[in-house]
C-alpha atoms as a PDB file:
ATOM      1  CA  MET A   1      -0.144   0.199   0.140  1.00  0.00           C
ATOM      2  CA  ASP A   2       1.329   3.889  -0.521  1.00  0.00           C
ATOM      3  CA  MET A   3       1.398   5.781   2.724  1.00  0.00           C
ATOM      4  CA  ILE A   4      -1.846   7.790   1.260  1.00  0.00           C
ATOM      5  CA  SER A   5      -3.652   5.209   1.473  1.00  0.00           C
ATOM      6  CA  GLN A   6      -2.164   4.035   5.012  1.00  0.00           C
ATOM      7  CA  THR A   7      -2.719   7.381   6.155  1.00  0.00           C
ATOM      8  CA  GLN A   8      -6.174   7.407   5.212  1.00  0.00           C
ATOM      9  CA  ALA A   9      -6.418   4.314   6.792  1.00  0.00           C
ATOM     10  CA  LEU A  10      -5.260   5.261  10.085  1.00  0.00           C
ATOM     11  CA  MET A  11      -7.529   7.850  10.534  1.00  0.00           C
ATOM     12  CA  GLN A  12     -10.524   5.937  10.865  1.00  0.00           C
ATOM     13  CA  HIS A  13      -8.727   4.614  13.329  1.00  0.00           C
ATOM     14  CA  PRO A  14      -9.442   0.891  12.982  1.00  0.00           C
ATOM     15  CA  HIS A  15      -9.014  -1.791  15.984  1.00  0.00           C
ATOM     16  CA  VAL A  16      -6.111  -3.432  14.994  1.00  0.00           C
ATOM     17  CA  VAL A  17      -2.985  -1.839  13.204  1.00  0.00           C
ATOM     18  CA  ILE A  18       0.035  -4.553  11.928  1.00  0.00           C
ATOM     19  CA  ALA A  19       3.067  -2.063  10.497  1.00  0.00           C
ATOM     20  CA  THR A  20       6.687  -1.959  10.986  1.00  0.00           C
ATOM     21  CA  PRO A  21       8.079   0.556  13.307  1.00  0.00           C
ATOM     22  CA  GLY A  22      10.033   2.042  10.027  1.00  0.00           C
ATOM     23  CA  ARG A  23       7.149   2.362   8.643  1.00  0.00           C
ATOM     24  CA  ILE A  24       4.986   3.628  11.171  1.00  0.00           C
ATOM     25  CA  LYS A  25       7.753   6.252  12.542  1.00  0.00           C
ATOM     26  CA  VAL A  26       7.301   7.512   8.667  1.00  0.00           C
ATOM     27  CA  LEU A  27       3.985   8.012   9.214  1.00  0.00           C
ATOM     28  CA  ILE A  28       4.237   9.963  12.092  1.00  0.00           C
ATOM     29  CA  ASP A  29       6.338  12.362  11.199  1.00  0.00           C
ATOM     30  CA  GLN A  30       4.658  13.362   7.859  1.00  0.00           C
ATOM     31  CA  ASN A  31       1.488  13.472   9.488  1.00  0.00           C
ATOM     32  CA  PRO A  32       0.946  15.901  12.541  1.00  0.00           C
ATOM     33  CA  ASP A  33      -2.499  14.350  13.128  1.00  0.00           C
ATOM     34  CA  ILE A  34      -1.245  10.481  13.548  1.00  0.00           C
ATOM     35  CA  PRO A  35      -0.083  10.191  17.072  1.00  0.00           C
ATOM     36  CA  ALA A  36      -2.964  11.059  17.993  1.00  0.00           C
ATOM     37  CA  VAL A  37      -4.666   7.554  16.132  1.00  0.00           C
ATOM     38  CA  PHE A  38      -2.187   5.692  18.879  1.00  0.00           C
ATOM     39  CA  SER A  39      -2.599   8.131  22.192  1.00  0.00           C
ATOM     40  CA  LYS A  40      -5.254   5.017  23.112  1.00  0.00           C
ATOM     41  CA  THR A  41      -3.372   1.986  22.150  1.00  0.00           C
ATOM     42  CA  LYS A  42      -4.195  -0.470  25.528  1.00  0.00           C
ATOM     43  CA  PHE A  43      -2.203  -3.583  23.706  1.00  0.00           C
ATOM     44  CA  LEU A  44       1.413  -3.186  21.671  1.00  0.00           C
ATOM     45  CA  VAL A  45       1.979  -6.564  20.277  1.00  0.00           C
ATOM     46  CA  LEU A  46       6.572  -6.965  19.475  1.00  0.00           C
ATOM     47  CA  ASP A  47       6.661  -9.896  16.613  1.00  0.00           C
ATOM     48  CA  GLU A  48      10.177 -11.408  16.228  1.00  0.00           C
ATOM     49  CA  ALA A  49      11.036  -9.438  19.723  1.00  0.00           C
ATOM     50  CA  GLY A  50      14.466 -10.508  19.454  1.00  0.00           C
ATOM     51  CA  ARG A  51      15.227  -8.242  16.348  1.00  0.00           C
ATOM     52  CA  VAL A  52      13.065  -5.322  16.772  1.00  0.00           C
ATOM     53  CA  LEU A  53      14.775  -4.806  19.598  1.00  0.00           C
ATOM     54  CA  ASP A  54      18.060  -4.485  18.144  1.00  0.00           C
ATOM     55  CA  VAL A  55      19.917  -1.823  18.258  1.00  0.00           C
ATOM     56  CA  GLY A  56      19.038  -0.637  14.689  1.00  0.00           C
ATOM     57  CA  PHE A  57      14.796  -0.041  15.432  1.00  0.00           C
ATOM     58  CA  GLU A  58      16.257   2.124  18.495  1.00  0.00           C
ATOM     59  CA  GLU A  59      15.192   5.542  16.766  1.00  0.00           C
ATOM     60  CA  GLU A  60      12.073   4.128  15.202  1.00  0.00           C
ATOM     61  CA  LEU A  61      10.899   2.777  18.554  1.00  0.00           C
ATOM     62  CA  ARG A  62      11.407   5.440  20.504  1.00  0.00           C
ATOM     63  CA  VAL A  63       9.409   7.483  18.051  1.00  0.00           C
ATOM     64  CA  VAL A  64       6.537   5.381  18.215  1.00  0.00           C
ATOM     65  CA  PHE A  65       6.332   4.956  21.809  1.00  0.00           C
ATOM     66  CA  LYS A  66       6.077   8.247  22.607  1.00  0.00           C
ATOM     67  CA  CYS A  67       2.732   8.080  20.938  1.00  0.00           C
ATOM     68  CA  LEU A  68       1.425   5.358  23.465  1.00  0.00           C
ATOM     69  CA  PRO A  69      -0.029   5.626  26.703  1.00  0.00           C
ATOM     70  CA  ALA A  70       1.772   4.438  29.871  1.00  0.00           C
ATOM     71  CA  ASN A  71      -0.493   2.035  31.032  1.00  0.00           C
ATOM     72  CA  ARG A  72      -0.565  -0.393  28.062  1.00  0.00           C
ATOM     73  CA  GLN A  73       0.387  -3.523  28.490  1.00  0.00           C
ATOM     74  CA  THR A  74       3.508  -4.967  25.856  1.00  0.00           C
ATOM     75  CA  LEU A  75       3.806  -8.397  24.561  1.00  0.00           C
ATOM     76  CA  LEU A  76       7.095  -9.336  23.077  1.00  0.00           C
ATOM     77  CA  PHE A  77       7.387 -12.933  20.848  1.00  0.00           C
ATOM     78  CA  SER A  78       9.986 -14.403  20.283  1.00  0.00           C
ATOM     79  CA  ALA A  79      11.306 -18.738  19.552  1.00  0.00           C
ATOM     80  CA  THR A  80      14.870 -17.549  20.699  1.00  0.00           C
ATOM     81  CA  MET A  81      15.461 -16.046  23.804  1.00  0.00           C
ATOM     82  CA  THR A  82      17.831 -13.405  22.645  1.00  0.00           C
ATOM     83  CA  SER A  83      20.429 -11.124  24.742  1.00  0.00           C
ATOM     84  CA  ASN A  84      18.638  -8.480  24.435  1.00  0.00           C
ATOM     85  CA  LEU A  85      15.075 -10.464  25.685  1.00  0.00           C
ATOM     86  CA  GLN A  86      17.321 -11.497  28.416  1.00  0.00           C
ATOM     87  CA  SER A  87      18.168  -8.005  29.522  1.00  0.00           C
ATOM     88  CA  LEU A  88      14.913  -7.085  29.340  1.00  0.00           C
ATOM     89  CA  LEU A  89      13.743  -9.881  31.473  1.00  0.00           C
ATOM     90  CA  GLU A  90      16.353  -8.893  34.074  1.00  0.00           C
ATOM     91  CA  VAL A  91      16.052  -5.619  34.231  1.00  0.00           C
ATOM     92  CA  SER A  92      11.801  -6.352  34.635  1.00  0.00           C
ATOM     93  CA  ALA A  93      11.605  -9.110  36.758  1.00  0.00           C
ATOM     94  CA  ASN A  94       9.262  -7.840  39.292  1.00  0.00           C
ATOM     95  CA  LYS A  95       6.849  -6.540  36.662  1.00  0.00           C
ATOM     96  CA  ALA A  96       7.193  -8.330  33.977  1.00  0.00           C
ATOM     97  CA  TYR A  97       5.013 -12.055  33.326  1.00  0.00           C
ATOM     98  CA  PHE A  98       7.544 -14.718  31.397  1.00  0.00           C
ATOM     99  CA  TYR A  99       6.260 -17.617  29.406  1.00  0.00           C
ATOM    100  CA  GLU A 100       8.595 -19.797  27.849  1.00  0.00           C
ATOM    101  CA  ALA A 101       6.961 -22.557  25.658  1.00  0.00           C
ATOM    102  CA  TYR A 102      10.589 -22.510  23.217  1.00  0.00           C
ATOM    103  CA  GLU A 103      12.487 -24.942  25.581  1.00  0.00           C
ATOM    104  CA  GLY A 104      15.836 -24.864  23.461  1.00  0.00           C
ATOM    105  CA  PHE A 105      16.335 -25.224  19.348  1.00  0.00           C
ATOM    106  CA  GLN A 106      13.656 -28.180  18.860  1.00  0.00           C
ATOM    107  CA  THR A 107      13.390 -29.801  15.302  1.00  0.00           C
ATOM    108  CA  VAL A 108      10.201 -32.003  14.785  1.00  0.00           C
ATOM    109  CA  ASP A 109      10.789 -36.079  14.755  1.00  0.00           C
ATOM    110  CA  THR A 110       9.615 -36.002  10.740  1.00  0.00           C
ATOM    111  CA  LEU A 111      12.571 -34.181   9.513  1.00  0.00           C
ATOM    112  CA  LYS A 112      14.751 -35.896   8.583  1.00  0.00           C
ATOM    113  CA  GLN A 113      17.929 -33.832   8.569  1.00  0.00           C
ATOM    114  CA  GLN A 114      21.037 -34.871   5.990  1.00  0.00           C
ATOM    115  CA  TYR A 115      24.168 -33.383   5.271  1.00  0.00           C
ATOM    116  CA  VAL A 116      26.748 -33.402   1.894  1.00  0.00           C
ATOM    117  CA  PHE A 117      30.095 -33.082   2.784  1.00  0.00           C
ATOM    118  CA  ILE A 118      31.808 -32.003   0.183  1.00  0.00           C
ATOM    119  CA  PRO A 119      34.327 -28.738  -1.670  1.00  0.00           C
ATOM    120  CA  LYS A 120      33.231 -25.417  -1.471  1.00  0.00           C
ATOM    121  CA  ASN A 121      34.102 -24.861  -5.511  1.00  0.00           C
ATOM    122  CA  VAL A 122      31.312 -27.964  -6.220  1.00  0.00           C
ATOM    123  CA  LYS A 123      28.536 -26.741  -4.380  1.00  0.00           C
ATOM    124  CA  ASP A 124      26.917 -25.496  -7.403  1.00  0.00           C
ATOM    125  CA  VAL A 125      27.536 -29.199  -9.490  1.00  0.00           C
ATOM    126  CA  TYR A 126      25.598 -30.436  -6.612  1.00  0.00           C
ATOM    127  CA  LEU A 127      22.989 -28.615  -6.404  1.00  0.00           C
ATOM    128  CA  LEU A 128      22.018 -29.434 -10.182  1.00  0.00           C
ATOM    129  CA  HIS A 129      22.292 -32.984  -8.588  1.00  0.00           C
ATOM    130  CA  VAL A 130      20.002 -32.917  -6.065  1.00  0.00           C
ATOM    131  CA  LEU A 131      17.681 -30.021  -7.919  1.00  0.00           C
ATOM    132  CA  SER A 132      17.966 -33.460 -10.921  1.00  0.00           C
ATOM    133  CA  ARG A 133      16.748 -35.834  -8.433  1.00  0.00           C
ATOM    134  CA  MET A 134      13.856 -34.216  -7.529  1.00  0.00           C
ATOM    135  CA  GLU A 135      10.933 -35.749  -9.387  1.00  0.00           C
ATOM    136  CA  ASP A 136      12.717 -39.086  -7.977  1.00  0.00           C
ATOM    137  CA  MET A 137      12.905 -38.450  -4.162  1.00  0.00           C
ATOM    138  CA  GLU A 138       8.900 -37.182  -5.606  1.00  0.00           C
ATOM    139  CA  ILE A 139      10.083 -33.667  -3.627  1.00  0.00           C
ATOM    140  CA  ARG A 140       7.793 -31.492  -5.141  1.00  0.00           C
ATOM    141  CA  SER A 141       9.185 -27.817  -3.980  1.00  0.00           C
ATOM    142  CA  ALA A 142      12.257 -27.086  -2.312  1.00  0.00           C
ATOM    143  CA  ILE A 143      14.411 -23.585  -0.427  1.00  0.00           C
ATOM    144  CA  ILE A 144      17.099 -22.997  -1.171  1.00  0.00           C
ATOM    145  CA  PHE A 145      19.148 -20.985   1.479  1.00  0.00           C
ATOM    146  CA  VAL A 146      22.067 -18.623   1.156  1.00  0.00           C
ATOM    147  CA  SER A 147      23.708 -16.255   3.469  1.00  0.00           C
ATOM    148  CA  THR A 148      23.864 -13.412   0.972  1.00  0.00           C
ATOM    149  CA  CYS A 149      22.252 -11.125  -1.421  1.00  0.00           C
ATOM    150  CA  ARG A 150      24.718 -11.623  -3.958  1.00  0.00           C
ATOM    151  CA  SER A 151      25.363 -15.375  -3.640  1.00  0.00           C
ATOM    152  CA  CYS A 152      21.288 -15.618  -3.950  1.00  0.00           C
ATOM    153  CA  HIS A 153      21.521 -13.143  -7.017  1.00  0.00           C
ATOM    154  CA  LEU A 154      24.338 -15.103  -8.684  1.00  0.00           C
ATOM    155  CA  LEU A 155      22.654 -18.726  -7.821  1.00  0.00           C
ATOM    156  CA  ALA A 156      19.395 -17.368  -9.771  1.00  0.00           C
ATOM    157  CA  LEU A 157      21.225 -15.768 -12.565  1.00  0.00           C
ATOM    158  CA  LEU A 158      22.959 -19.317 -12.732  1.00  0.00           C
ATOM    159  CA  MET A 159      19.519 -21.669 -12.058  1.00  0.00           C
ATOM    160  CA  GLU A 160      18.953 -19.776 -15.191  1.00  0.00           C
ATOM    161  CA  GLU A 161      21.810 -20.460 -17.336  1.00  0.00           C
ATOM    162  CA  LEU A 162      21.238 -24.451 -16.361  1.00  0.00           C
ATOM    163  CA  ASP A 163      17.317 -24.228 -17.414  1.00  0.00           C
ATOM    164  CA  GLN A 164      16.165 -25.219 -13.931  1.00  0.00           C
ATOM    165  CA  GLU A 165      12.755 -23.218 -13.002  1.00  0.00           C
ATOM    166  CA  VAL A 166      13.769 -21.122  -9.921  1.00  0.00           C
ATOM    167  CA  ALA A 167      12.193 -17.454  -7.966  1.00  0.00           C
ATOM    168  CA  ALA A 168      15.148 -15.409  -6.047  1.00  0.00           C
ATOM    169  CA  LEU A 169      13.379 -14.215  -2.908  1.00  0.00           C
ATOM    170  CA  HIS A 170      16.439 -11.355  -0.994  1.00  0.00           C
ATOM    171  CA  SER A 171      16.253  -8.142   0.403  1.00  0.00           C
ATOM    172  CA  PHE A 172      17.620  -6.496  -2.813  1.00  0.00           C
ATOM    173  CA  LYS A 173      14.297  -7.202  -4.652  1.00  0.00           C
ATOM    174  CA  SER A 174      11.548  -4.733  -4.393  1.00  0.00           C
ATOM    175  CA  GLN A 175       8.354  -5.732  -2.179  1.00  0.00           C
ATOM    176  CA  SER A 176       7.175  -6.121  -5.928  1.00  0.00           C
ATOM    177  CA  SER A 177       9.297  -8.512  -6.903  1.00  0.00           C
ATOM    178  CA  ARG A 178       9.357 -10.631  -3.482  1.00  0.00           C
ATOM    179  CA  LEU A 179       5.569 -10.543  -3.407  1.00  0.00           C
ATOM    180  CA  SER A 180       5.659 -12.046  -7.157  1.00  0.00           C
ATOM    181  CA  ALA A 181       8.183 -14.623  -6.607  1.00  0.00           C
ATOM    182  CA  LEU A 182       6.757 -15.665  -3.426  1.00  0.00           C
ATOM    183  CA  HIS A 183       3.016 -16.444  -5.088  1.00  0.00           C
ATOM    184  CA  ARG A 184       4.887 -18.477  -7.995  1.00  0.00           C
ATOM    185  CA  PHE A 185       6.211 -20.182  -6.164  1.00  0.00           C
ATOM    186  CA  LYS A 186       3.336 -20.696  -3.262  1.00  0.00           C
ATOM    187  CA  SER A 187       1.323 -21.088  -6.214  1.00  0.00           C
ATOM    188  CA  GLY A 188       3.537 -23.675  -7.868  1.00  0.00           C
ATOM    189  CA  LYS A 189       4.616 -22.245 -11.149  1.00  0.00           C
ATOM    190  CA  VAL A 190       7.995 -22.604 -10.120  1.00  0.00           C
ATOM    191  CA  PRO A 191       9.249 -25.641  -7.978  1.00  0.00           C
ATOM    192  CA  VAL A 192      12.064 -24.386  -5.973  1.00  0.00           C
ATOM    193  CA  LEU A 193      12.759 -20.814  -4.419  1.00  0.00           C
ATOM    194  CA  LEU A 194      16.154 -19.048  -3.285  1.00  0.00           C
ATOM    195  CA  ALA A 195      16.172 -17.101  -0.384  1.00  0.00           C
ATOM    196  CA  THR A 196      18.278 -15.540   2.420  1.00  0.00           C
ATOM    197  CA  ASP A 197      16.650 -15.989   5.672  1.00  0.00           C
ATOM    198  CA  VAL A 198      14.424 -13.315   5.084  1.00  0.00           C
ATOM    199  CA  ALA A 199      11.946 -16.210   4.462  1.00  0.00           C
ATOM    200  CA  SER A 200      13.258 -18.189   7.229  1.00  0.00           C
ATOM    201  CA  ARG A 201      10.604 -16.980   9.243  1.00  0.00           C
ATOM    202  CA  GLY A 202       6.996 -15.153   9.207  1.00  0.00           C
ATOM    203  CA  LEU A 203       6.180 -16.020   5.453  1.00  0.00           C
ATOM    204  CA  ASP A 204       3.168 -18.497   4.788  1.00  0.00           C
ATOM    205  CA  ILE A 205       4.337 -21.273   2.929  1.00  0.00           C
ATOM    206  CA  PRO A 206       2.148 -23.963   4.082  1.00  0.00           C
ATOM    207  CA  THR A 207       3.254 -26.936   2.262  1.00  0.00           C
ATOM    208  CA  VAL A 208       7.753 -27.364   1.593  1.00  0.00           C
ATOM    209  CA  ASP A 209       9.121 -30.913   0.287  1.00  0.00           C
ATOM    210  CA  LEU A 210      12.778 -29.007   0.381  1.00  0.00           C
ATOM    211  CA  VAL A 211      14.989 -27.486   2.155  1.00  0.00           C
ATOM    212  CA  ILE A 212      18.910 -27.294   1.172  1.00  0.00           C
ATOM    213  CA  ASN A 213      21.135 -24.806   3.217  1.00  0.00           C
ATOM    214  CA  TYR A 214      23.256 -24.329   0.442  1.00  0.00           C
ATOM    215  CA  ASP A 215      24.796 -21.676   2.583  1.00  0.00           C
ATOM    216  CA  ILE A 216      25.462 -23.216   6.687  1.00  0.00           C
ATOM    217  CA  PRO A 217      24.036 -20.144   8.897  1.00  0.00           C
ATOM    218  CA  ARG A 218      26.350 -19.163  11.772  1.00  0.00           C
ATOM    219  CA  TYR A 219      23.930 -19.449  14.315  1.00  0.00           C
ATOM    220  CA  PRO A 220      21.884 -22.402  15.216  1.00  0.00           C
ATOM    221  CA  ARG A 221      18.545 -20.561  15.492  1.00  0.00           C
ATOM    222  CA  ASP A 222      18.245 -19.829  12.306  1.00  0.00           C
ATOM    223  CA  TYR A 223      19.500 -23.659  11.340  1.00  0.00           C
ATOM    224  CA  VAL A 224      15.732 -24.278  12.830  1.00  0.00           C
ATOM    225  CA  HIS A 225      14.111 -21.644  11.785  1.00  0.00           C
ATOM    226  CA  ARG A 226      15.579 -22.534   7.908  1.00  0.00           C
ATOM    227  CA  VAL A 227      14.689 -26.417   8.061  1.00  0.00           C
ATOM    228  CA  GLY A 228      11.051 -25.599   9.520  1.00  0.00           C
ATOM    229  CA  ARG A 229      10.348 -24.648   6.718  1.00  0.00           C
ATOM    230  CA  THR A 230       9.464 -28.257   6.285  1.00  0.00           C
ATOM    231  CA  ALA A 231       7.993 -31.205   8.038  1.00  0.00           C
ATOM    232  CA  ARG A 232       5.405 -28.820   9.241  1.00  0.00           C
ATOM    233  CA  ALA A 233       1.933 -30.061  10.550  1.00  0.00           C
ATOM    234  CA  GLY A 234       2.586 -33.560  10.163  1.00  0.00           C
ATOM    235  CA  ARG A 235       3.891 -34.047   7.120  1.00  0.00           C
ATOM    236  CA  GLY A 236       7.773 -35.052   6.991  1.00  0.00           C
ATOM    237  CA  GLY A 237      10.352 -33.271   5.201  1.00  0.00           C
ATOM    238  CA  LEU A 238      13.816 -33.138   4.291  1.00  0.00           C
ATOM    239  CA  ALA A 239      16.591 -30.962   4.932  1.00  0.00           C
ATOM    240  CA  ILE A 240      19.929 -31.434   2.823  1.00  0.00           C
ATOM    241  CA  SER A 241      23.088 -29.116   4.159  1.00  0.00           C
ATOM    242  CA  PHE A 242      26.286 -28.927   2.302  1.00  0.00           C
ATOM    243  CA  ILE A 243      28.726 -28.780   4.536  1.00  0.00           C
ATOM    244  CA  THR A 244      31.940 -27.604   3.141  1.00  0.00           C
ATOM    245  CA  GLN A 245      35.851 -27.674   5.276  1.00  0.00           C
ATOM    246  CA  ASN A 246      35.152 -24.331   7.124  1.00  0.00           C
ATOM    247  CA  ASP A 247      31.447 -25.359   8.199  1.00  0.00           C
ATOM    248  CA  VAL A 248      32.678 -28.560  10.579  1.00  0.00           C
ATOM    249  CA  ASP A 249      32.099 -26.353  13.492  1.00  0.00           C
ATOM    250  CA  LEU A 250      29.076 -24.677  13.214  1.00  0.00           C
ATOM    251  CA  ILE A 251      27.557 -27.949  11.801  1.00  0.00           C
ATOM    252  CA  HIS A 252      28.761 -30.090  14.999  1.00  0.00           C
ATOM    253  CA  GLU A 253      27.061 -26.549  16.805  1.00  0.00           C
ATOM    254  CA  ILE A 254      24.103 -26.813  15.473  1.00  0.00           C
ATOM    255  CA  GLU A 255      23.785 -30.696  16.169  1.00  0.00           C
ATOM    256  CA  ALA A 256      24.648 -29.864  19.657  1.00  0.00           C
ATOM    257  CA  ASP A 257      21.719 -28.202  20.406  1.00  0.00           C
ATOM    258  CA  VAL A 258      19.355 -29.484  17.682  1.00  0.00           C
ATOM    259  CA  GLY A 259      20.221 -32.693  20.459  1.00  0.00           C
ATOM    260  CA  LYS A 260      20.420 -34.833  16.910  1.00  0.00           C
ATOM    261  CA  LYS A 261      22.967 -36.042  14.697  1.00  0.00           C
ATOM    262  CA  MET A 262      22.716 -35.317  10.559  1.00  0.00           C
ATOM    263  CA  ASP A 263      22.475 -38.462   8.773  1.00  0.00           C
ATOM    264  CA  LYS A 264      24.753 -38.972   5.381  1.00  0.00           C
ATOM    265  CA  PHE A 265      23.295 -37.772   2.027  1.00  0.00           C
ATOM    266  CA  GLU A 266      23.944 -40.384  -0.419  1.00  0.00           C
ATOM    267  CA  CYS A 267      25.051 -39.675  -4.190  1.00  0.00           C
ATOM    268  CA  LYS A 268      28.027 -41.176  -6.673  1.00  0.00           C
ATOM    269  CA  GLU A 269      29.955 -38.812  -6.898  1.00  0.00           C
ATOM    270  CA  ASN A 270      31.077 -39.908 -10.665  1.00  0.00           C
ATOM    271  CA  GLU A 271      27.651 -39.645 -11.589  1.00  0.00           C
ATOM    272  CA  VAL A 272      27.267 -35.870  -9.673  1.00  0.00           C
ATOM    273  CA  LEU A 273      30.879 -34.864 -11.199  1.00  0.00           C
ATOM    274  CA  GLU A 274      29.605 -35.612 -14.804  1.00  0.00           C
ATOM    275  CA  GLU A 275      28.625 -32.233 -14.797  1.00  0.00           C
ATOM    276  CA  ILE A 276      31.044 -30.095 -13.739  1.00  0.00           C
ATOM    277  CA  THR A 277      31.879 -28.763 -17.363  1.00  0.00           C
ATOM    278  CA  LYS A 278      28.647 -27.739 -17.976  1.00  0.00           C
ATOM    279  CA  VAL A 279      27.789 -26.065 -14.542  1.00  0.00           C
ATOM    280  CA  TYR A 280      30.986 -23.903 -14.835  1.00  0.00           C
ATOM    281  CA  LYS A 281      30.033 -22.748 -17.852  1.00  0.00           C
ATOM    282  CA  ALA A 282      26.841 -21.618 -17.031  1.00  0.00           C
ATOM    283  CA  LYS A 283      28.599 -19.691 -13.822  1.00  0.00           C
ATOM    284  CA  ARG A 284      30.916 -17.509 -16.135  1.00  0.00           C
ATOM    285  CA  VAL A 285      28.129 -16.204 -17.814  1.00  0.00           C
ATOM    286  CA  ALA A 286      26.071 -15.699 -14.735  1.00  0.00           C
ATOM    287  CA  THR A 287      28.931 -14.236 -13.464  1.00  0.00           C
ATOM    288  CA  MET A 288      28.827 -11.447 -16.587  1.00  0.00           C
ATOM    289  CA  LYS A 289      25.525 -10.906 -16.314  1.00  0.00           C
ATOM    290  CA  MET A 290      25.562 -10.070 -13.184  1.00  0.00           C
ATOM    291  CA  MET A 291      28.306  -7.683 -14.039  1.00  0.00           C
ATOM    292  CA  ASP A 292      26.402  -6.874 -16.847  1.00  0.00           C
ATOM    293  CA  ASP A 293      23.629  -5.546 -14.650  1.00  0.00           C
ATOM    294  CA  GLY A 294      25.055  -3.895 -11.746  1.00  0.00           C
ATOM    295  CA  PHE A 295      24.712  -5.147  -9.298  1.00  0.00           C
ATOM    296  CA  GLU A 296      27.947  -5.173  -7.505  1.00  0.00           C
ATOM    297  CA  GLU A 297      27.137  -0.939  -7.860  1.00  0.00           C
ATOM    298  CA  LYS A 298      23.887  -1.438  -6.110  1.00  0.00           C
ATOM    299  CA  ALA A 299      25.444  -3.402  -3.121  1.00  0.00           C
ATOM    300  CA  LYS A 300      27.893  -0.918  -3.054  1.00  0.00           C
ATOM    301  CA  ALA A 301      25.761   2.577  -3.319  1.00  0.00           C
ATOM    302  CA  ARG A 302      23.169   0.222  -0.307  1.00  0.00           C
ATOM    303  CA  LYS A 303      25.936   0.132   1.690  1.00  0.00           C
ATOM    304  CA  ALA A 304      27.031   2.867   1.483  1.00  0.00           C
ATOM    305  CA  GLN A 305      23.719   4.781   2.544  1.00  0.00           C
ATOM    306  CA  LYS A 306      22.767   1.941   5.307  1.00  0.00           C
ATOM    307  CA  MET A 307      26.442   3.224   7.142  1.00  0.00           C
ATOM    308  CA  LYS A 308      25.427   6.522   6.141  1.00  0.00           C
ATOM    309  CA  SER A 309      21.785   6.072   7.787  1.00  0.00           C
ATOM    310  CA  LEU A 310      23.252   4.832  10.492  1.00  0.00           C
ATOM    311  CA  ALA A 311      25.722   7.807  11.224  1.00  0.00           C
ATOM    312  CA  GLU A 312      22.914  10.069  11.519  1.00  0.00           C
ATOM    313  CA  LYS A 313      21.184   8.137  14.418  1.00  0.00           C
ATOM    314  CA  GLY A 314      24.274   7.935  15.596  1.00  0.00           C
ATOM    315  CA  LEU A 315      24.473   3.963  16.011  1.00  0.00           C
ATOM    316  CA  LEU A 316      27.335   3.172  13.893  1.00  0.00           C
ATOM    317  CA  ASN A 317      29.841   3.157  17.322  1.00  0.00           C
ATOM    318  CA  LYS A 318      27.442   1.242  18.693  1.00  0.00           C
ATOM    319  CA  ASN A 319      27.574  -1.426  15.915  1.00  0.00           C
ATOM    320  CA  ASN A 320      31.006  -1.144  15.791  1.00  0.00           C
ATOM    321  CA  ASN A 321      31.162  -1.556  19.716  1.00  0.00           C
ATOM    322  CA  LYS A 322      28.843  -4.791  19.348  1.00  0.00           C
ATOM    323  CA  ARG A 323      30.783  -6.332  16.355  1.00  0.00           C
ATOM    324  CA  ARG A 324      34.245  -6.104  18.322  1.00  0.00           C
ATOM    325  CA  LYS A 325      32.914  -7.645  21.164  1.00  0.00           C
ATOM    326  CA  ARG A 326      31.365 -10.613  19.399  1.00  0.00           C
ATOM    327  CA  GLU A 327      35.488 -10.585  17.608  1.00  0.00           C
ATOM    328  CA  THR A 328      36.559 -10.712  21.284  1.00  0.00           C
ATOM    329  CA  THR A 329      34.616 -13.437  22.792  1.00  0.00           C
ATOM    330  CA  SER A 330      35.026 -15.412  18.974  1.00  0.00           C
ATOM    331  CA  SER A 331      38.532 -15.437  19.492  1.00  0.00           C
ATOM    332  CA  ALA A 332      37.943 -16.369  23.209  1.00  0.00           C
ATOM    333  CA  VAL A 333      36.320 -19.464  22.620  1.00  0.00           C
ATOM    334  CA  ASN A 334      38.441 -20.559  20.125  1.00  0.00           C
ATOM    335  CA  CYS A 335      41.459 -19.944  22.467  1.00  0.00           C
ATOM    336  CA  SER A 336      40.133 -22.239  24.660  1.00  0.00           C
ATOM    337  CA  ARG A 337      39.411 -24.711  22.056  1.00  0.00           C
ATOM    338  CA  VAL A 338      42.486 -24.672  21.044  1.00  0.00           C
ATOM    339  CA  LYS A 339      44.095 -25.559  24.923  1.00  0.00           C
ATOM    340  CA  GLU A 340      41.371 -28.066  25.142  1.00  0.00           C
END
């Protein structure tokens, strides 16, 4: 919806408003009549609270909170207990009611979790092999998760060169393009959705037979969210993780937190590598196409705009401090492992 339509809808004083913090802030800044709409709010619900309470939303939430009455009830929903939520719980221990229905990181018993241990330079070859076996494996739909928008865009171009029908979903795409990709996948027009973690939660995709972790996520909770797209509502499902030599520690951490070992996905290496020349040629073409469509320039411009926005909000130093703290913690953990 455009902002004019949203402003008109808000001025009708609806009983329920569902929105992102950023859009609410923009509407409040642009129309002095909007704050009054929220002055009698009884309930504030923050879904995915762990992410919403991150420092990146600090300014937006401050503007929204100023419009809300002090006697409202605030409800925070999250599938995982992050450091932000833990700190909030400790600060408000005498005032907050805390209900934990999610205990640890768990996956359902109907989900088969498998892995393929491969060199990084042949991941695309193995991906094509798995996709070519979908029909034989009676798999109708699959989501492939990658770590970055760049990888998602390049992989989409590669699959196009290899005559694979896919839709791509990442944050570099416009909202209309994302909705179109999601609709094509949900309607069955394309059997495969390429996505970053933007598709790992919050989307209504009822039936997915296969989840492929093309890139292994950094945190176990992200793995749980990803594989949770399949084996829903009592149905079975399959998750295959592509593991390279750099991912071993991550996989061990995931298995320890989930409490389940992954099984090996059986495939014959000689059959897989039959397509290696075809895939390598297609990837060269896909890489040139990505250069031609100016993706790298767009990525640099977007990063510069993000840094400028953070600097204007005074959040750049906070983010740098958090990053240094994570790196220090990671180094300490690695050192302890070496000593062990």
